[in-house]
Amino acid sequence: MSKTKVIAFANNKGGSGKTTTCSNVGCAMAGEGKNVLLIDGDMQLNLTISYFDDETALGFAVSGKNVYSAVKEERDLTDYIVSTGILGVDMVPSSSLMSSIEYELFPKWQREFILKKCLEQVIASGRYDYILIDAPPTLGGWVMNILCAADAVIMPVEASPWGLFGLANMFEFCNKARGMNPRLELMGIAVTKADERKKYFHQTMETLAGMSEAHLFQTYVRVDSAIEWSQDNSKPVVIFKKKSRSAEEYRNLAKEIIAYADR
């Protein structure tokens, strides 16, 4: 059987650090000797442009080398995989046409399982240890597709007064997804944009630690300008500024996720 683990990074609240976490955890996993496939499931293409410049990202959209084209045509994702240029990290890019993915999925038979079918050959190949999917900040049919294709979901949560907003809806949505995908595990919550000087950070951590719905990863990622500079240069911070505080935190988070997944 394939050893591949499919993990979705999802949160219905925008600005949670979801894409940045997916991007850097994937790159850090590769640094631990894992082979990783990233799938950009968001119309904003932020995961794609965290590895490629704007012109290259646009090229993927024009050429049809993206997840939208694969899902629309219900094709094996193997032919849509591109190399990021980083050893151990490949990607299926996104497209701005993802804005119409709900419309494309609606008339399809067993529409909640289209992405799962598209991934079958990739998973069966055993080529990747981890497939990480960056979900958009919504709770629609496409995110349900992502959760039905996943083994586990990680929820990045911003350590801010509004960071917990809508988390209950996310838990409820995951429970609905389990009705169609019983193997789906709520792996845990990863805290991002943390500022230890602020009282609300400690309140957020206490609240999350007291939740029975999900495991709270011990590693949290603090606010760091190196992350913004890395995004501006279309590189994960774990590559762009290896010795930065946030790079070290993402490496630690990746190790924690690997250990939890392999338990």
Protein backbone atom coordinates (compact mmCIF):
# COMPACT_ATOMS: atom_id res chain seq x y z
CA MET A 1 0.00 0.00 0.00
CA SER A 2 1.07 3.58 -0.65
CA LYS A 3 2.77 5.37 2.21
CA THR A 4 1.63 8.77 0.93
CA LYS A 5 -0.12 10.99 3.47
CA VAL A 6 -2.48 13.67 2.10
CA ILE A 7 -2.83 16.70 4.39
CA ALA A 8 -5.12 19.66 3.75
CA PHE A 9 -4.36 23.08 5.20
CA ALA A 10 -7.74 24.70 5.72
CA ASN A 11 -9.40 27.53 7.59
CA ASN A 12 -12.49 29.42 6.48
CA LYS A 13 -11.04 32.66 7.85
CA GLY A 14 -8.75 34.60 5.54
CA GLY A 15 -5.41 35.87 6.83
CA SER A 16 -4.78 32.84 9.02
CA GLY A 17 -1.34 32.16 7.55
CA LYS A 18 -2.66 29.01 5.89
CA THR A 19 -0.79 29.33 2.57
CA THR A 20 2.46 30.45 4.18
CA THR A 21 2.29 27.51 6.57
CA CYS A 22 1.58 25.02 3.78
CA SER A 23 4.40 26.43 1.65
CA ASN A 24 7.05 26.43 4.36
CA VAL A 25 6.05 23.17 6.04
CA GLY A 26 6.27 21.44 2.66
CA CYS A 27 9.72 22.88 1.98
CA ALA A 28 10.89 22.04 5.51
CA MET A 29 9.61 18.46 5.11
CA ALA A 30 11.78 18.15 2.01
CA GLY A 31 14.69 19.33 4.14
CA GLU A 32 13.97 16.31 6.35
CA GLY A 33 14.41 14.01 3.35
CA LYS A 34 10.71 13.74 2.45
CA ASN A 35 9.32 13.99 -1.07
CA VAL A 36 6.47 16.49 -1.10
CA LEU A 37 3.81 17.48 -3.61
CA LEU A 38 2.09 20.82 -3.04
CA ILE A 39 -1.33 21.45 -4.56
CA ASP A 40 -2.51 25.04 -4.83
CA GLY A 41 -6.28 24.89 -4.48
CA ASP A 42 -6.88 28.64 -4.11
CA MET A 43 -7.84 31.03 -6.94
CA GLN A 44 -5.50 33.65 -5.43
CA LEU A 45 -2.48 31.54 -6.51
CA ASN A 46 -0.55 32.51 -3.38
CA LEU A 47 0.99 29.06 -2.94
CA THR A 48 2.05 29.07 -6.60
CA ILE A 49 3.68 32.50 -6.37
CA SER A 50 5.44 31.52 -3.16
CA TYR A 51 7.67 29.39 -5.43
CA PHE A 52 7.34 31.02 -8.87
CA ASP A 53 7.39 34.60 -10.16
CA ASP A 54 4.19 36.15 -11.52
CA GLU A 55 5.09 35.54 -15.16
CA THR A 56 5.72 31.85 -14.61
CA ALA A 57 2.53 31.50 -12.57
CA LEU A 58 0.57 33.15 -15.39
CA GLY A 59 2.20 30.72 -17.83
CA PHE A 60 0.82 27.76 -15.86
CA ALA A 61 -2.65 29.29 -16.10
CA VAL A 62 -2.40 29.92 -19.86
CA SER A 63 -0.92 26.50 -20.65
CA GLY A 64 -3.53 24.63 -18.63
CA LYS A 65 -0.84 23.17 -16.36
CA ASN A 66 -2.92 23.69 -13.22
CA VAL A 67 -5.32 22.00 -10.85
CA TYR A 68 -8.36 23.72 -12.34
CA SER A 69 -7.79 22.14 -15.75
CA ALA A 70 -7.23 18.71 -14.23
CA VAL A 71 -10.33 18.79 -12.04
CA LYS A 72 -12.54 20.25 -14.77
CA GLU A 73 -11.56 17.43 -17.14
CA GLU A 74 -11.36 14.84 -14.32
CA ARG A 75 -7.83 13.86 -15.35
CA ASP A 76 -4.97 12.20 -13.52
CA LEU A 77 -2.93 14.93 -11.81
CA THR A 78 0.38 13.32 -12.76
CA ASP A 79 0.64 15.31 -15.99
CA TYR A 80 -0.03 18.59 -14.18
CA ILE A 81 2.88 18.35 -11.76
CA VAL A 82 5.76 20.84 -12.16
CA SER A 83 9.10 21.04 -10.41
CA THR A 84 9.64 23.97 -8.05
CA GLY A 85 13.40 23.77 -8.52
CA ILE A 86 13.77 22.80 -4.86
CA LEU A 87 14.88 19.22 -4.25
CA GLY A 88 12.00 17.14 -2.96
CA VAL A 89 9.27 19.71 -3.66
CA ASP A 90 6.91 19.53 -6.66
CA MET A 91 3.67 21.39 -7.23
CA VAL A 92 0.37 21.38 -9.06
CA PRO A 93 -0.15 25.12 -9.61
CA SER A 94 -3.44 26.99 -9.43
CA SER A 95 -5.25 29.28 -11.86
CA SER A 96 -7.44 32.35 -11.46
CA LEU A 97 -10.12 30.26 -13.20
CA MET A 98 -10.50 28.44 -9.89
CA SER A 99 -13.08 31.12 -9.15
CA SER A 100 -15.52 29.07 -11.25
CA ILE A 101 -14.61 25.63 -9.84
CA GLU A 102 -17.87 25.38 -7.87
CA TYR A 103 -19.80 25.86 -11.12
CA GLU A 104 -17.72 23.19 -12.85
CA LEU A 105 -18.20 20.69 -10.02
CA PHE A 106 -21.94 21.14 -9.55
CA PRO A 107 -23.24 18.91 -12.39
CA LYS A 108 -20.63 16.15 -11.96
CA TRP A 109 -21.44 12.68 -10.69
CA GLN A 110 -20.09 12.16 -7.14
CA ARG A 111 -18.70 15.67 -7.32
CA GLU A 112 -17.25 15.56 -3.80
CA PHE A 113 -14.74 12.91 -4.91
CA ILE A 114 -13.38 14.41 -8.15
CA LEU A 115 -10.06 15.53 -6.62
CA LYS A 116 -9.67 12.18 -4.89
CA LYS A 117 -10.01 10.43 -8.26
CA CYS A 118 -7.54 12.82 -9.86
CA LEU A 119 -5.02 11.94 -7.14
CA GLU A 120 -5.37 8.16 -7.27
CA GLN A 121 -2.49 7.49 -9.66
CA VAL A 122 -0.17 9.99 -7.96
CA ILE A 123 -0.78 8.31 -4.60
CA ALA A 124 -0.51 4.80 -6.04
CA SER A 125 2.90 5.64 -7.53
CA GLY A 126 4.35 6.10 -4.02
CA ARG A 127 6.41 8.97 -5.42
CA TYR A 128 5.58 11.30 -2.54
CA ASP A 129 5.68 10.94 1.21
CA TYR A 130 3.32 13.88 1.67
CA ILE A 131 0.80 15.67 -0.50
CA LEU A 132 -0.09 19.06 1.01
CA ILE A 133 -3.17 20.86 -0.29
CA ASP A 134 -3.73 24.58 0.28
CA ALA A 135 -7.50 25.11 0.49
CA PRO A 136 -9.23 28.46 -0.11
CA PRO A 137 -10.79 30.32 2.86
CA THR A 138 -14.32 29.08 2.15
CA LEU A 139 -16.60 26.23 3.17
CA GLY A 140 -18.03 25.22 -0.19
CA GLY A 141 -18.07 22.22 -2.48
CA TRP A 142 -14.43 22.62 -3.53
CA VAL A 143 -13.16 22.56 0.05
CA MET A 144 -15.37 19.52 0.66
CA ASN A 145 -13.63 17.96 -2.37
CA ILE A 146 -10.26 18.68 -0.77
CA LEU A 147 -11.28 17.18 2.57
CA CYS A 148 -12.71 14.10 0.86
CA ALA A 149 -9.31 13.59 -0.80
CA ALA A 150 -7.32 14.10 2.41
CA ASP A 151 -6.19 11.84 5.21
CA ALA A 152 -5.85 14.74 7.62
CA VAL A 153 -6.50 18.44 7.99
CA ILE A 154 -4.37 21.07 9.73
CA MET A 155 -5.95 24.40 10.68
CA PRO A 156 -3.57 27.36 10.83
CA VAL A 157 -4.99 29.91 13.27
CA GLU A 158 -3.82 33.51 13.63
CA ALA A 159 -3.04 34.51 17.22
CA SER A 160 -5.26 37.60 17.16
CA PRO A 161 -8.59 38.72 18.67
CA TRP A 162 -10.38 37.57 15.50
CA GLY A 163 -8.20 34.53 14.91
CA LEU A 164 -10.67 32.12 16.50
CA PHE A 165 -13.62 33.58 14.63
CA GLY A 166 -15.42 30.90 12.65
CA LEU A 167 -13.38 28.03 14.07
CA ALA A 168 -16.54 26.33 15.30
CA ASN A 169 -17.87 26.41 11.72
CA MET A 170 -14.66 24.79 10.52
CA PHE A 171 -15.01 21.98 13.07
CA GLU A 172 -18.61 21.41 11.99
CA PHE A 173 -17.62 21.34 8.32
CA CYS A 174 -14.89 18.77 9.03
CA ASN A 175 -17.43 16.61 10.83
CA LYS A 176 -19.65 16.73 7.74
CA ALA A 177 -16.67 15.77 5.59
CA ARG A 178 -16.05 12.75 7.82
CA GLY A 179 -19.51 11.54 6.86
CA MET A 180 -18.20 11.09 3.32
CA ASN A 181 -14.56 10.45 4.18
CA PRO A 182 -14.40 8.48 7.46
CA ARG A 183 -10.59 8.33 7.40
CA LEU A 184 -10.29 12.13 7.65
CA GLU A 185 -8.44 13.12 10.82
CA LEU A 186 -8.38 16.58 12.35
CA MET A 187 -4.64 16.46 12.88
CA GLY A 188 -4.30 19.73 14.71
CA ILE A 189 -4.14 23.50 14.99
CA ALA A 190 -1.00 25.44 14.10
CA VAL A 191 -0.80 28.94 15.58
CA THR A 192 0.62 31.66 13.32
CA LYS A 193 1.41 35.39 13.50
CA ALA A 194 2.10 35.06 17.21
CA ASP A 195 3.30 38.02 19.27
CA GLU A 196 4.30 36.87 22.74
CA ARG A 197 4.24 40.46 24.03
CA LYS A 198 0.48 40.68 23.55
CA LYS A 199 -2.01 39.49 26.14
CA TYR A 200 -4.39 38.14 23.51
CA PHE A 201 -1.69 35.74 22.29
CA HIS A 202 -1.67 34.01 25.67
CA GLN A 203 -5.46 34.06 25.78
CA THR A 204 -5.59 32.46 22.33
CA MET A 205 -3.15 29.72 23.34
CA GLU A 206 -5.11 28.97 26.51
CA THR A 207 -8.38 28.79 24.60
CA LEU A 208 -6.96 26.49 21.92
CA ALA A 209 -5.24 24.26 24.47
CA GLY A 210 -8.59 23.77 26.17
CA MET A 211 -10.36 22.63 23.02
CA SER A 212 -11.11 18.93 22.83
CA GLU A 213 -11.82 18.98 19.09
CA ALA A 214 -8.22 19.21 17.94
CA HIS A 215 -4.60 18.69 18.95
CA LEU A 216 -2.62 21.92 19.39
CA PHE A 217 0.88 21.79 17.93
CA GLN A 218 3.47 23.00 20.42
CA THR A 219 5.37 24.96 17.78
CA TYR A 220 3.90 28.34 16.89
CA VAL A 221 5.19 30.81 14.33
CA ARG A 222 5.85 34.34 15.49
CA VAL A 223 5.49 37.56 13.52
CA ASP A 224 8.64 37.99 11.43
CA SER A 225 9.42 40.44 8.62
CA ALA A 226 11.54 37.73 6.98
CA ILE A 227 8.29 36.03 5.95
CA GLU A 228 7.14 39.11 4.04
CA TRP A 229 10.51 39.47 2.32
CA SER A 230 10.46 35.83 1.31
CA GLN A 231 6.98 36.22 -0.17
CA ASP A 232 8.13 39.26 -2.13
CA ASN A 233 10.94 37.13 -3.57
CA SER A 234 8.73 34.12 -4.39
CA LYS A 235 10.60 31.80 -2.05
CA PRO A 236 9.68 29.99 1.18
CA VAL A 237 11.34 31.65 4.16
CA VAL A 238 13.02 28.34 5.07
CA ILE A 239 15.00 28.77 1.82
CA PHE A 240 15.12 32.55 1.46
CA LYS A 241 16.38 33.28 4.96
CA LYS A 242 17.37 29.97 6.51
CA LYS A 243 18.67 31.41 9.77
CA SER A 244 15.63 33.56 10.52
CA ARG A 245 13.45 32.91 13.54
CA SER A 246 10.43 32.00 11.42
CA ALA A 247 12.45 29.58 9.28
CA GLU A 248 13.51 27.71 12.40
CA GLU A 249 9.93 27.67 13.67
CA TYR A 250 8.59 26.27 10.40
CA ARG A 251 11.28 23.58 10.44
CA ASN A 252 10.27 22.65 13.99
CA LEU A 253 6.59 22.62 13.03
CA ALA A 254 7.34 20.35 10.06
CA LYS A 255 9.19 17.93 12.34
CA GLU A 256 6.28 17.95 14.76
CA ILE A 257 3.79 17.25 11.97
CA ILE A 258 5.92 14.40 10.60
CA ALA A 259 6.18 12.86 14.08
CA TYR A 260 2.44 13.20 14.65
CA ALA A 261 1.60 11.76 11.23
CA ASP A 262 3.93 8.80 11.75
CA ARG A 263 2.79 8.02 15.29
